[in-house]
Structure formats: structure tokens, C-alpha cells
Amino acid sequence: MSGTVKYEMMILLTEEFNESELKTWAFNSAKALQNLSASEISVISRGKRDLAYSINNRKKGNFIQINFSSMPKYLKKFISDLKFDTNILRLLILNKKD
């Protein structure tokens, strides 16, 4: 696809998720990306970890890494949808260079 950019997204979720809920959340996020014409989607669970500092009175969180290719205009829509998810504590998106 021309005009696509490779991205790496790191999402910090609340620690309340069990393993199956975490997989379901990640699958739904990948499906939402696919519906926005993203390709080469891979989801990696980085596990539950202690945070360096408290975020919203939480000391632990689940880290999810999602790698994908997408057109930038679709990424903005995906990010705006994620902002309404109360389970997300932090979100970081980086352009990946080959």
C-alpha cells in the first residue's frame, strides 16, 4: 500500500485484566485497526509490571505492544476512539523506520 507508515504502539492498561480479558481487549483493538485499513498487525503482551510512579493511584499495569502499518489519517480516528477507553492509563505511538 502506498502512503502507509509503520507504527509501534505501546498501551498501558489497568492491572484488573486477567489473561483472557487481556487477550480479548487486544483482539478487539487489532480488529478495530483492521477495520480502519491497517495491515501487518501484530499484538504482543508485555505482561503486568510495576510502574515507576503512580498513575491514577495505580502502581501496576498491563503493557500491550501493537505493531502495524496504516495511513496516518486512519490512525487519528483510532487514537480518538481509544481516548474513551477508561482502562487505558497511557498510550505511546512511534513511527518505525526500516
C-alpha atoms as a PDB file:
ATOM      1  CA  MET A   1       0.000   0.000   0.000  1.00  0.00           C
ATOM      2  CA  SER A   2       1.380   3.371  -0.885  1.00  0.00           C
ATOM      3  CA  GLY A   3       1.132   6.106   1.712  1.00  0.00           C
ATOM      4  CA  THR A   4       1.235   3.711   4.628  1.00  0.00           C
ATOM      5  CA  VAL A   5       3.514   4.224   7.592  1.00  0.00           C
ATOM      6  CA  LYS A   6       4.738   1.577  10.040  1.00  0.00           C
ATOM      7  CA  TYR A   7       3.858   2.255  13.658  1.00  0.00           C
ATOM      8  CA  GLU A   8       4.643   0.787  17.046  1.00  0.00           C
ATOM      9  CA  MET A   9       2.097   1.465  19.773  1.00  0.00           C
ATOM     10  CA  MET A  10       2.628   0.770  23.466  1.00  0.00           C
ATOM     11  CA  ILE A  11      -0.508   0.772  25.601  1.00  0.00           C
ATOM     12  CA  LEU A  12      -0.575   0.703  29.387  1.00  0.00           C
ATOM     13  CA  LEU A  13      -3.795  -0.837  30.683  1.00  0.00           C
ATOM     14  CA  THR A  14      -5.080  -1.128  34.233  1.00  0.00           C
ATOM     15  CA  GLU A  15      -3.975  -4.205  36.158  1.00  0.00           C
ATOM     16  CA  GLU A  16      -7.512  -5.570  36.701  1.00  0.00           C
ATOM     17  CA  PHE A  17      -7.467  -7.590  33.464  1.00  0.00           C
ATOM     18  CA  ASN A  18      -6.995 -11.335  33.740  1.00  0.00           C
ATOM     19  CA  GLU A  19      -5.222 -13.154  30.899  1.00  0.00           C
ATOM     20  CA  SER A  20      -8.339 -13.942  28.843  1.00  0.00           C
ATOM     21  CA  GLU A  21      -9.760 -10.408  29.233  1.00  0.00           C
ATOM     22  CA  LEU A  22      -6.423  -9.000  28.121  1.00  0.00           C
ATOM     23  CA  LYS A  23      -6.421 -11.207  25.016  1.00  0.00           C
ATOM     24  CA  THR A  24      -9.994 -10.163  24.224  1.00  0.00           C
ATOM     25  CA  TRP A  25      -9.129  -6.475  24.596  1.00  0.00           C
ATOM     26  CA  ALA A  26      -6.068  -6.859  22.363  1.00  0.00           C
ATOM     27  CA  PHE A  27      -8.042  -8.840  19.756  1.00  0.00           C
ATOM     28  CA  ASN A  28     -10.758  -6.163  19.654  1.00  0.00           C
ATOM     29  CA  SER A  29      -8.138  -3.433  19.235  1.00  0.00           C
ATOM     30  CA  ALA A  30      -6.470  -5.326  16.398  1.00  0.00           C
ATOM     31  CA  LYS A  31      -9.875  -5.843  14.769  1.00  0.00           C
ATOM     32  CA  ALA A  32     -10.605  -2.101  15.049  1.00  0.00           C
ATOM     33  CA  LEU A  33      -7.281  -1.349  13.353  1.00  0.00           C
ATOM     34  CA  GLN A  34      -8.068  -3.847  10.617  1.00  0.00           C
ATOM     35  CA  ASN A  35     -11.455  -2.162  10.062  1.00  0.00           C
ATOM     36  CA  LEU A  36      -9.542   1.104   9.527  1.00  0.00           C
ATOM     37  CA  SER A  37      -7.475  -0.474   6.718  1.00  0.00           C
ATOM     38  CA  ALA A  38      -4.388  -1.212   8.831  1.00  0.00           C
ATOM     39  CA  SER A  39      -2.197  -4.128   7.784  1.00  0.00           C
ATOM     40  CA  GLU A  40       0.722  -6.169   9.162  1.00  0.00           C
ATOM     41  CA  ILE A  41      -0.870  -6.114  12.627  1.00  0.00           C
ATOM     42  CA  SER A  42       0.939  -7.926  15.431  1.00  0.00           C
ATOM     43  CA  VAL A  43      -0.008  -7.807  19.108  1.00  0.00           C
ATOM     44  CA  ILE A  44       2.479  -8.632  21.862  1.00  0.00           C
ATOM     45  CA  SER A  45       1.585  -8.794  25.543  1.00  0.00           C
ATOM     46  CA  ARG A  46       4.479  -7.453  27.612  1.00  0.00           C
ATOM     47  CA  GLY A  47       2.873  -8.578  30.870  1.00  0.00           C
ATOM     48  CA  LYS A  48       1.918  -6.976  34.145  1.00  0.00           C
ATOM     49  CA  ARG A  49       4.631  -4.799  35.632  1.00  0.00           C
ATOM     50  CA  ASP A  50       5.245  -2.398  38.481  1.00  0.00           C
ATOM     51  CA  LEU A  51       5.115   1.239  37.419  1.00  0.00           C
ATOM     52  CA  ALA A  52       7.970   3.629  38.147  1.00  0.00           C
ATOM     53  CA  TYR A  53       5.439   6.090  39.565  1.00  0.00           C
ATOM     54  CA  SER A  54       1.754   6.046  40.413  1.00  0.00           C
ATOM     55  CA  ILE A  55      -0.677   6.766  37.562  1.00  0.00           C
ATOM     56  CA  ASN A  56      -4.276   7.439  38.612  1.00  0.00           C
ATOM     57  CA  ASN A  57      -3.451   5.899  42.009  1.00  0.00           C
ATOM     58  CA  ARG A  58      -2.279   2.664  40.380  1.00  0.00           C
ATOM     59  CA  LYS A  59       1.099   1.081  40.958  1.00  0.00           C
ATOM     60  CA  LYS A  60       0.867  -1.780  38.394  1.00  0.00           C
ATOM     61  CA  GLY A  61      -0.305  -2.089  34.824  1.00  0.00           C
ATOM     62  CA  ASN A  62      -0.529  -4.400  31.812  1.00  0.00           C
ATOM     63  CA  PHE A  63       1.604  -3.478  28.825  1.00  0.00           C
ATOM     64  CA  ILE A  64       0.463  -4.280  25.275  1.00  0.00           C
ATOM     65  CA  GLN A  65       2.563  -3.606  22.171  1.00  0.00           C
ATOM     66  CA  ILE A  66       0.842  -3.364  18.782  1.00  0.00           C
ATOM     67  CA  ASN A  67       2.849  -3.097  15.551  1.00  0.00           C
ATOM     68  CA  PHE A  68       1.003  -2.211  12.362  1.00  0.00           C
ATOM     69  CA  SER A  69       1.043  -0.306   9.070  1.00  0.00           C
ATOM     70  CA  SER A  70      -1.590   2.306   8.361  1.00  0.00           C
ATOM     71  CA  MET A  71      -2.296   5.567   6.631  1.00  0.00           C
ATOM     72  CA  PRO A  72      -1.899   8.482   9.096  1.00  0.00           C
ATOM     73  CA  LYS A  73      -5.475   9.720   8.597  1.00  0.00           C
ATOM     74  CA  TYR A  74      -6.848   6.392   9.915  1.00  0.00           C
ATOM     75  CA  LEU A  75      -4.517   6.451  12.908  1.00  0.00           C
ATOM     76  CA  LYS A  76      -6.091   9.689  14.159  1.00  0.00           C
ATOM     77  CA  LYS A  77      -9.528   8.023  14.183  1.00  0.00           C
ATOM     78  CA  PHE A  78      -8.184   5.015  16.105  1.00  0.00           C
ATOM     79  CA  ILE A  79      -6.490   7.211  18.715  1.00  0.00           C
ATOM     80  CA  SER A  80      -9.613   9.289  19.234  1.00  0.00           C
ATOM     81  CA  ASP A  81     -11.590   6.084  19.841  1.00  0.00           C
ATOM     82  CA  LEU A  82      -9.004   4.836  22.363  1.00  0.00           C
ATOM     83  CA  LYS A  83      -9.227   8.052  24.388  1.00  0.00           C
ATOM     84  CA  PHE A  84     -12.703   6.999  25.535  1.00  0.00           C
ATOM     85  CA  ASP A  85     -11.452   3.681  26.965  1.00  0.00           C
ATOM     86  CA  THR A  86     -11.187   4.124  30.732  1.00  0.00           C
ATOM     87  CA  ASN A  87      -8.927   1.044  31.010  1.00  0.00           C
ATOM     88  CA  ILE A  88      -6.066   2.831  29.244  1.00  0.00           C
ATOM     89  CA  LEU A  89      -3.675   4.631  31.573  1.00  0.00           C
ATOM     90  CA  ARG A  90      -1.119   5.713  28.948  1.00  0.00           C
ATOM     91  CA  LEU A  91      -0.617   5.407  25.202  1.00  0.00           C
ATOM     92  CA  LEU A  92       2.503   5.969  23.111  1.00  0.00           C
ATOM     93  CA  ILE A  93       2.737   5.726  19.317  1.00  0.00           C
ATOM     94  CA  LEU A  94       6.011   5.811  17.405  1.00  0.00           C
ATOM     95  CA  ASN A  95       6.817   5.777  13.689  1.00  0.00           C
ATOM     96  CA  LYS A  96       9.054   2.801  12.916  1.00  0.00           C
ATOM     97  CA  LYS A  97      11.860   3.362  10.471  1.00  0.00           C
ATOM     98  CA  ASP A  98      13.098   0.437   8.371  1.00  0.00           C
END
